[in-house]
Amino acid sequence: MPLEPYRRGSTWWARGRVEYLGTPVSDYYRCSTGASEEAGAWQWCRDEEERRVRRYLLGDERALTFAEAVLLYTASPADAGYLIPIVAKIGNLFVRDITPRQVRDLGPELYPDAATDTWIRHVVTPVRSVINNAHDLGKGPPIRIKGYEREERIAQDRRRGKVSRVKRTPGSWEWLLKFRAHADRRHAALALFMFMTGARISQAVAMHPGKHLDLQHGRACIPAAKGHDDRWIAIPPELVTELANLPPLYPRGMDRKQDNLRLFGFADRSSPRKGWARACKQAGIELLPFHAAGRHGFGQEMNVRQPVDEKAAGEFGGWSDTALMRRTYTHAEQTSGKIHKAQRRGLKAAEKKTRLTLAKG
């Protein structure tokens, strides 16, 4: 039978076995709970059942604090920065005692003026990764943390007076040509490369002219990112010519060693920012972020403007999930005009078939 308390003298004792799904997972108990009140004895029974069930499911374990779990986790530089303030808040809590609600509440506490998407990136995701990594190592239970509801996102946007999830404007050939007319050679080549290959800015600036180019065979290697390994793709002649005429450079501040050469001459993803903004201003065009001009522009061009089958576009652009490509990297364009034309086509077809007209009298 399950654990239950009974009075013995001035204290309450417990008797029975701990069960999990009807199966006994402990020896028979007949011991003191140390409680002088029945409510305290019942609480002891519940706590003991929880402890023994956890031991049955996970094995013997020493209680692990969140700070200790962080030390077991190999964090990226970005995640390491996010974890510092989190550890200051909950580092001394046992992993097994941390609840999803506690984690979600850390978002507004640590970043009161940020959007809910920022709370997910800076708090929920790193905490979940740390705890589940500890679970994989047999050090504690796993955790599932749901994101913030739509209503929470809207309420937070109102509090901070700023709208999150602003619709991106994807790059286009028209934007690119105007940009290149006012950009220097490196920025012009960088923009063209990202738009024609779907490469991310971090991948493009990391490219080495000797390691990532095979122009003789019309190929370029897109460096590894987001779970993908290095991948070689065939590039069009226009891009081959562009890259062939681009002198490799040593980024500013880096030693002039062969390994430090970079195809576009930039040290990191932020290095092209000033020249990029200057070219947009001189061209009188919208200042598109690198990702919107490049990867979003590629996805839009292939899937909406020049309908290519999604398998080909996904493989070339490095999307393993084509549903993600359609959902995130395609955008509605000329919505009203397209809908109106479609409605007129449908109307004319119906009028022809029925020999009736929409207009009366």
Protein backbone atom coordinates (compact mmCIF):
# COMPACT_ATOMS: atom_id res chain seq x y z
CA MET A 1 0.00 0.00 0.00
CA PRO A 2 1.17 3.61 -0.54
CA LEU A 3 2.84 5.50 2.29
CA GLU A 4 0.49 6.71 4.98
CA PRO A 5 1.04 8.21 8.42
CA TYR A 6 -0.14 6.82 11.74
CA ARG A 7 0.19 8.08 15.26
CA ARG A 8 2.60 6.38 17.63
CA GLY A 9 2.88 8.03 20.99
CA SER A 10 3.58 11.74 20.65
CA THR A 11 4.87 11.54 17.04
CA TRP A 12 3.61 10.39 13.69
CA TRP A 13 5.15 7.45 11.86
CA ALA A 14 4.85 6.25 8.26
CA ARG A 15 4.13 2.81 6.86
CA GLY A 16 3.69 1.32 3.41
CA ARG A 17 5.68 1.28 0.18
CA VAL A 18 6.36 3.94 -2.45
CA GLU A 19 4.70 3.00 -5.74
CA TYR A 20 5.13 4.23 -9.30
CA LEU A 21 2.29 3.43 -11.72
CA GLY A 22 1.12 0.73 -9.32
CA THR A 23 4.54 -0.91 -8.99
CA PRO A 24 6.41 -0.82 -5.64
CA VAL A 25 9.75 0.99 -6.01
CA SER A 26 10.89 0.86 -2.38
CA ASP A 27 11.12 -1.49 0.57
CA TYR A 28 8.38 -1.47 3.21
CA TYR A 29 8.50 1.61 5.43
CA ARG A 30 7.85 1.59 9.16
CA CYS A 31 9.64 4.62 10.51
CA SER A 32 9.16 7.92 12.29
CA THR A 33 8.44 11.04 10.26
CA GLY A 34 9.56 13.25 13.13
CA ALA A 35 6.31 15.22 12.87
CA SER A 36 4.13 16.00 15.83
CA GLU A 37 1.14 16.92 13.65
CA GLU A 38 -0.69 14.79 11.09
CA ALA A 39 -0.32 17.43 8.34
CA GLY A 40 3.44 17.39 8.79
CA ALA A 41 3.47 13.59 8.57
CA TRP A 42 1.50 13.62 5.33
CA GLN A 43 3.93 16.17 3.87
CA TRP A 44 6.84 13.93 4.84
CA CYS A 45 5.18 11.03 3.04
CA ARG A 46 4.63 13.04 -0.13
CA ASP A 47 8.21 14.36 -0.12
CA GLU A 48 9.61 10.87 0.44
CA GLU A 49 7.48 9.45 -2.38
CA GLU A 50 8.69 12.16 -4.75
CA ARG A 51 12.33 11.56 -3.78
CA ARG A 52 12.10 7.79 -4.19
CA VAL A 53 10.26 8.02 -7.53
CA ARG A 54 12.90 10.42 -8.84
CA ARG A 55 15.60 8.05 -7.66
CA TYR A 56 13.80 5.15 -9.35
CA LEU A 57 13.58 7.05 -12.67
CA LEU A 58 16.97 8.79 -12.67
CA GLY A 59 19.12 6.69 -10.37
CA ASP A 60 21.04 7.98 -7.36
CA GLU A 61 22.00 11.58 -7.81
CA ARG A 62 23.48 14.38 -5.77
CA ALA A 63 21.43 17.53 -5.99
CA LEU A 64 22.99 19.72 -8.69
CA THR A 65 22.78 23.50 -8.58
CA PHE A 66 22.19 25.52 -11.72
CA ALA A 67 25.65 27.08 -11.37
CA GLU A 68 27.18 23.59 -11.32
CA ALA A 69 25.09 22.60 -14.35
CA VAL A 70 26.44 25.60 -16.24
CA LEU A 71 29.98 24.32 -15.69
CA LEU A 72 28.98 21.05 -17.39
CA TYR A 73 27.64 22.87 -20.45
CA THR A 74 29.77 23.93 -23.42
CA ALA A 75 28.31 27.33 -24.17
CA SER A 76 28.84 29.48 -27.23
CA PRO A 77 30.34 32.94 -26.55
CA ALA A 78 26.86 34.47 -26.92
CA ASP A 79 25.21 31.96 -24.57
CA ALA A 80 28.02 32.42 -22.04
CA GLY A 81 27.22 36.12 -21.92
CA TYR A 82 23.51 35.43 -21.47
CA LEU A 83 24.17 32.93 -18.65
CA ILE A 84 26.17 35.33 -16.45
CA PRO A 85 23.17 37.36 -15.16
CA ILE A 86 21.05 34.19 -14.99
CA VAL A 87 23.56 32.46 -12.72
CA ALA A 88 23.57 35.55 -10.49
CA LYS A 89 19.82 35.09 -10.04
CA ILE A 90 19.27 31.33 -9.83
CA GLY A 91 22.77 29.84 -9.65
CA ASN A 92 22.25 28.53 -6.12
CA LEU A 93 18.95 26.81 -6.92
CA PHE A 94 18.89 23.05 -7.42
CA VAL A 95 18.21 22.11 -11.01
CA ARG A 96 15.50 19.70 -9.93
CA ASP A 97 13.63 22.55 -8.20
CA ILE A 98 13.66 25.06 -11.08
CA THR A 99 10.24 25.42 -12.68
CA PRO A 100 9.35 26.65 -16.18
CA ARG A 101 7.47 29.58 -14.66
CA GLN A 102 10.58 30.69 -12.75
CA VAL A 103 12.55 30.68 -15.99
CA ARG A 104 9.95 32.64 -17.94
CA ASP A 105 9.72 35.19 -15.11
CA LEU A 106 13.44 35.86 -15.43
CA GLY A 107 12.87 37.41 -18.87
CA PRO A 108 11.07 40.56 -17.74
CA GLU A 109 13.18 40.72 -14.57
CA LEU A 110 16.52 40.76 -16.41
CA TYR A 111 15.42 42.56 -19.58
CA PRO A 112 12.40 44.73 -18.71
CA ASP A 113 12.62 46.81 -21.90
CA ALA A 114 13.18 43.93 -24.31
CA ALA A 115 10.73 41.99 -26.47
CA THR A 116 9.51 38.52 -25.58
CA ASP A 117 11.61 37.10 -28.44
CA THR A 118 14.67 38.51 -26.68
CA TRP A 119 13.58 36.85 -23.44
CA ILE A 120 13.47 33.53 -25.28
CA ARG A 121 16.91 33.98 -26.88
CA HIS A 122 18.64 35.40 -23.80
CA VAL A 123 16.93 33.43 -21.01
CA VAL A 124 14.66 30.53 -21.93
CA THR A 125 16.88 28.92 -24.56
CA PRO A 126 20.18 28.97 -22.59
CA VAL A 127 18.53 27.81 -19.34
CA ARG A 128 16.75 24.98 -21.13
CA SER A 129 19.99 23.96 -22.86
CA VAL A 130 21.94 23.90 -19.59
CA ILE A 131 19.35 21.85 -17.68
CA ASN A 132 18.74 19.36 -20.48
CA ASN A 133 22.48 18.94 -20.98
CA ALA A 134 22.75 18.00 -17.31
CA HIS A 135 19.92 15.52 -17.83
CA ASP A 136 21.76 13.97 -20.79
CA LEU A 137 24.72 13.46 -18.47
CA GLY A 138 22.50 11.74 -15.90
CA LYS A 139 22.74 14.63 -13.44
CA GLY A 140 19.11 15.64 -13.08
CA PRO A 141 15.62 15.73 -14.55
CA PRO A 142 14.90 17.39 -17.92
CA ILE A 143 12.82 20.53 -18.32
CA ARG A 144 10.29 21.71 -20.89
CA ILE A 145 9.70 25.45 -21.08
CA LYS A 146 7.01 26.82 -23.34
CA GLY A 147 7.49 30.22 -24.96
CA TYR A 148 5.53 33.36 -24.26
CA GLU A 149 1.95 33.63 -25.47
CA ARG A 150 0.91 36.06 -28.19
CA GLU A 151 -0.98 38.10 -25.61
CA GLU A 152 2.19 38.40 -23.51
CA ARG A 153 4.15 39.61 -26.54
CA ILE A 154 1.54 42.25 -27.37
CA ALA A 155 1.33 43.43 -23.75
CA GLN A 156 5.13 43.74 -23.51
CA ASP A 157 5.27 45.65 -26.80
CA ARG A 158 2.74 48.11 -25.38
CA ARG A 159 4.71 48.53 -22.17
CA ARG A 160 7.91 49.33 -24.00
CA GLY A 161 6.21 51.36 -26.72
CA LYS A 162 7.79 49.39 -29.54
CA VAL A 163 6.53 46.70 -31.90
CA SER A 164 8.46 43.43 -32.10
CA ARG A 165 8.62 41.05 -35.05
CA VAL A 166 8.75 43.91 -37.53
CA LYS A 167 8.18 42.65 -41.05
CA ARG A 168 11.46 42.31 -42.95
CA THR A 169 11.93 43.77 -46.40
CA PRO A 170 13.83 41.15 -48.42
CA GLY A 171 16.59 42.11 -50.84
CA SER A 172 15.92 42.26 -54.57
CA TRP A 173 17.85 42.69 -57.81
CA GLU A 174 16.64 46.29 -58.00
CA TRP A 175 17.87 47.07 -54.49
CA LEU A 176 21.14 45.26 -55.13
CA LEU A 177 21.93 47.12 -58.36
CA LYS A 178 21.31 50.49 -56.70
CA PHE A 179 23.41 49.47 -53.71
CA ARG A 180 26.32 48.32 -55.88
CA ALA A 181 26.30 51.57 -57.84
CA HIS A 182 27.40 53.41 -54.68
CA ALA A 183 29.28 50.73 -52.73
CA ASP A 184 33.01 50.08 -52.79
CA ARG A 185 34.30 46.88 -54.38
CA ARG A 186 34.32 44.79 -51.20
CA HIS A 187 30.81 45.74 -50.07
CA ALA A 188 29.44 45.34 -53.60
CA ALA A 189 30.92 41.84 -53.92
CA LEU A 190 29.74 40.86 -50.44
CA ALA A 191 26.15 41.89 -51.16
CA LEU A 192 26.13 40.07 -54.50
CA PHE A 193 27.57 36.90 -52.97
CA MET A 194 25.02 36.72 -50.16
CA PHE A 195 22.09 37.46 -52.49
CA MET A 196 23.13 34.86 -55.07
CA THR A 197 24.06 32.08 -52.63
CA GLY A 198 21.88 32.66 -49.57
CA ALA A 199 25.01 32.74 -47.38
CA ARG A 200 24.83 34.39 -43.98
CA ILE A 201 27.03 37.38 -43.22
CA SER A 202 29.05 35.35 -40.68
CA GLN A 203 29.75 32.70 -43.32
CA ALA A 204 30.69 35.20 -46.03
CA VAL A 205 33.18 37.21 -43.96
CA ALA A 206 34.85 34.00 -42.73
CA MET A 207 35.72 32.83 -46.25
CA HIS A 208 39.40 32.36 -47.11
CA PRO A 209 40.32 32.84 -50.79
CA GLY A 210 42.49 29.73 -50.84
CA LYS A 211 40.30 27.44 -48.73
CA HIS A 212 36.82 28.41 -49.86
CA LEU A 213 37.16 29.15 -53.56
CA ASP A 214 37.71 26.95 -56.61
CA LEU A 215 37.02 29.44 -59.36
CA GLN A 216 38.62 27.27 -62.01
CA HIS A 217 35.72 24.88 -61.59
CA GLY A 218 33.17 27.59 -60.72
CA ARG A 219 32.73 26.56 -57.10
CA ALA A 220 32.61 28.21 -53.68
CA CYS A 221 32.55 26.64 -50.23
CA ILE A 222 30.02 28.03 -47.79
CA PRO A 223 31.53 27.70 -44.28
CA ALA A 224 29.74 25.61 -41.66
CA ALA A 225 26.90 27.21 -39.67
CA LYS A 226 23.64 26.33 -37.90
CA GLY A 227 24.28 22.59 -37.83
CA HIS A 228 25.50 22.40 -41.45
CA ASP A 229 29.03 21.35 -42.35
CA ASP A 230 31.11 23.15 -44.98
CA ARG A 231 29.38 22.72 -48.33
CA TRP A 232 30.60 23.35 -51.88
CA ILE A 233 28.18 24.81 -54.39
CA ALA A 234 28.46 25.72 -58.07
CA ILE A 235 28.24 29.48 -58.56
CA PRO A 236 27.14 31.35 -61.72
CA PRO A 237 29.67 32.92 -64.11
CA GLU A 238 28.76 36.46 -63.03
CA LEU A 239 29.75 35.64 -59.47
CA VAL A 240 32.89 33.81 -60.57
CA THR A 241 34.02 36.94 -62.42
CA GLU A 242 33.19 39.17 -59.46
CA LEU A 243 35.20 37.08 -57.02
CA ALA A 244 38.11 36.57 -59.41
CA ASN A 245 38.57 40.34 -59.63
CA LEU A 246 38.44 40.79 -55.88
CA PRO A 247 41.93 41.10 -54.32
CA PRO A 248 42.14 39.15 -51.03
CA LEU A 249 42.98 41.28 -48.02
CA TYR A 250 44.14 40.99 -44.45
CA PRO A 251 41.46 42.39 -42.14
CA ARG A 252 42.46 45.43 -40.16
CA GLY A 253 44.04 44.52 -36.85
CA MET A 254 44.91 40.95 -37.82
CA ASP A 255 48.45 39.62 -38.29
CA ARG A 256 49.54 39.36 -41.91
CA LYS A 257 49.62 35.57 -41.91
CA GLN A 258 48.37 33.44 -44.74
CA ASP A 259 45.63 31.93 -42.60
CA ASN A 260 44.30 35.42 -41.82
CA LEU A 261 43.52 36.30 -45.43
CA ARG A 262 39.85 36.91 -46.04
CA LEU A 263 38.01 36.87 -49.34
CA PHE A 264 36.12 40.07 -48.61
CA GLY A 265 38.73 41.56 -46.26
CA PHE A 266 36.46 41.95 -43.20
CA ALA A 267 37.44 40.78 -39.72
CA ASP A 268 33.95 39.87 -38.49
CA ARG A 269 30.25 40.28 -39.19
CA SER A 270 30.10 43.83 -37.83
CA SER A 271 33.05 45.17 -39.85
CA PRO A 272 31.08 45.95 -43.07
CA ARG A 273 28.35 47.86 -41.22
CA LYS A 274 29.51 51.47 -41.70
CA GLY A 275 30.34 51.09 -45.39
CA TRP A 276 27.06 49.22 -45.93
CA ALA A 277 25.01 52.01 -44.34
CA ARG A 278 26.94 54.67 -46.27
CA ALA A 279 26.23 53.02 -49.62
CA CYS A 280 22.51 52.75 -48.81
CA LYS A 281 22.37 56.42 -47.86
CA GLN A 282 24.19 57.56 -51.01
CA ALA A 283 21.95 55.37 -53.18
CA GLY A 284 18.81 56.70 -51.50
CA ILE A 285 17.56 53.19 -50.74
CA GLU A 286 16.25 51.49 -47.62
CA LEU A 287 18.96 50.36 -45.21
CA LEU A 288 18.47 46.61 -45.29
CA PRO A 289 20.32 44.50 -42.71
CA PHE A 290 22.78 41.95 -44.08
CA HIS A 291 20.45 39.02 -43.43
CA ALA A 292 17.45 40.68 -45.08
CA ALA A 293 19.43 41.78 -48.14
CA GLY A 294 21.15 38.44 -48.56
CA ARG A 295 19.53 35.29 -47.21
CA HIS A 296 15.98 36.68 -47.12
CA GLY A 297 16.51 38.15 -50.58
CA PHE A 298 17.67 34.78 -51.91
CA GLY A 299 14.68 32.97 -50.40
CA GLN A 300 12.24 35.53 -51.77
CA GLU A 301 13.77 35.55 -55.24
CA MET A 302 13.79 31.76 -55.56
CA ASN A 303 10.41 31.01 -53.99
CA VAL A 304 8.23 33.99 -54.90
CA ARG A 305 9.64 36.12 -57.70
CA GLN A 306 11.29 33.35 -59.72
CA PRO A 307 9.42 30.23 -58.60
CA VAL A 308 12.06 27.54 -58.32
CA ASP A 309 11.12 24.19 -56.82
CA GLU A 310 11.66 24.40 -53.10
CA LYS A 311 13.88 21.33 -52.92
CA ALA A 312 16.42 22.90 -55.27
CA ALA A 313 16.25 26.28 -53.53
CA GLY A 314 16.56 24.68 -50.11
CA GLU A 315 19.53 22.52 -51.03
CA PHE A 316 21.42 25.33 -52.76
CA GLY A 317 20.72 27.84 -49.99
CA GLY A 318 21.48 25.45 -47.14
CA TRP A 319 18.02 24.85 -45.67
CA SER A 320 17.49 21.31 -44.42
CA ASP A 321 13.89 22.22 -43.57
CA THR A 322 12.15 23.68 -46.62
CA ALA A 323 9.09 24.44 -44.49
CA LEU A 324 11.27 26.81 -42.45
CA MET A 325 12.46 28.42 -45.67
CA ARG A 326 8.89 29.04 -46.84
CA ARG A 327 7.67 30.18 -43.43
CA THR A 328 10.53 32.54 -42.53
CA TYR A 329 12.33 33.50 -45.72
CA THR A 330 9.43 34.27 -48.05
CA HIS A 331 7.30 37.41 -47.83
CA ALA A 332 4.07 38.63 -49.38
CA GLU A 333 4.60 41.18 -52.16
CA GLN A 334 2.06 43.30 -54.06
CA THR A 335 -0.63 41.54 -52.07
CA SER A 336 -3.64 43.58 -53.14
CA GLY A 337 -2.71 43.60 -56.82
CA LYS A 338 -2.20 39.85 -56.92
CA ILE A 339 -5.48 39.16 -55.12
CA HIS A 340 -7.43 41.56 -57.37
CA LYS A 341 -6.00 39.98 -60.53
CA ALA A 342 -6.83 36.50 -59.25
CA GLN A 343 -10.38 37.57 -58.44
CA ARG A 344 -10.83 39.08 -61.91
CA ARG A 345 -9.52 35.91 -63.55
CA GLY A 346 -11.97 33.83 -61.54
CA LEU A 347 -14.84 36.18 -62.36
CA LYS A 348 -14.16 36.17 -66.10
CA ALA A 349 -13.93 32.38 -66.13
CA ALA A 350 -17.25 32.11 -64.29
CA GLU A 351 -18.94 34.66 -66.57
CA LYS A 352 -17.75 32.75 -69.61
CA LYS A 353 -18.99 29.46 -68.22
CA THR A 354 -22.39 30.68 -67.00
CA ARG A 355 -22.95 33.37 -69.66
CA LEU A 356 -23.93 35.69 -66.84
CA THR A 357 -22.31 38.97 -65.81
CA LEU A 358 -21.56 40.52 -62.46
CA ALA A 359 -22.99 43.90 -63.48
CA LYS A 360 -26.76 44.27 -63.29
CA GLY A 361 -28.85 46.42 -65.53
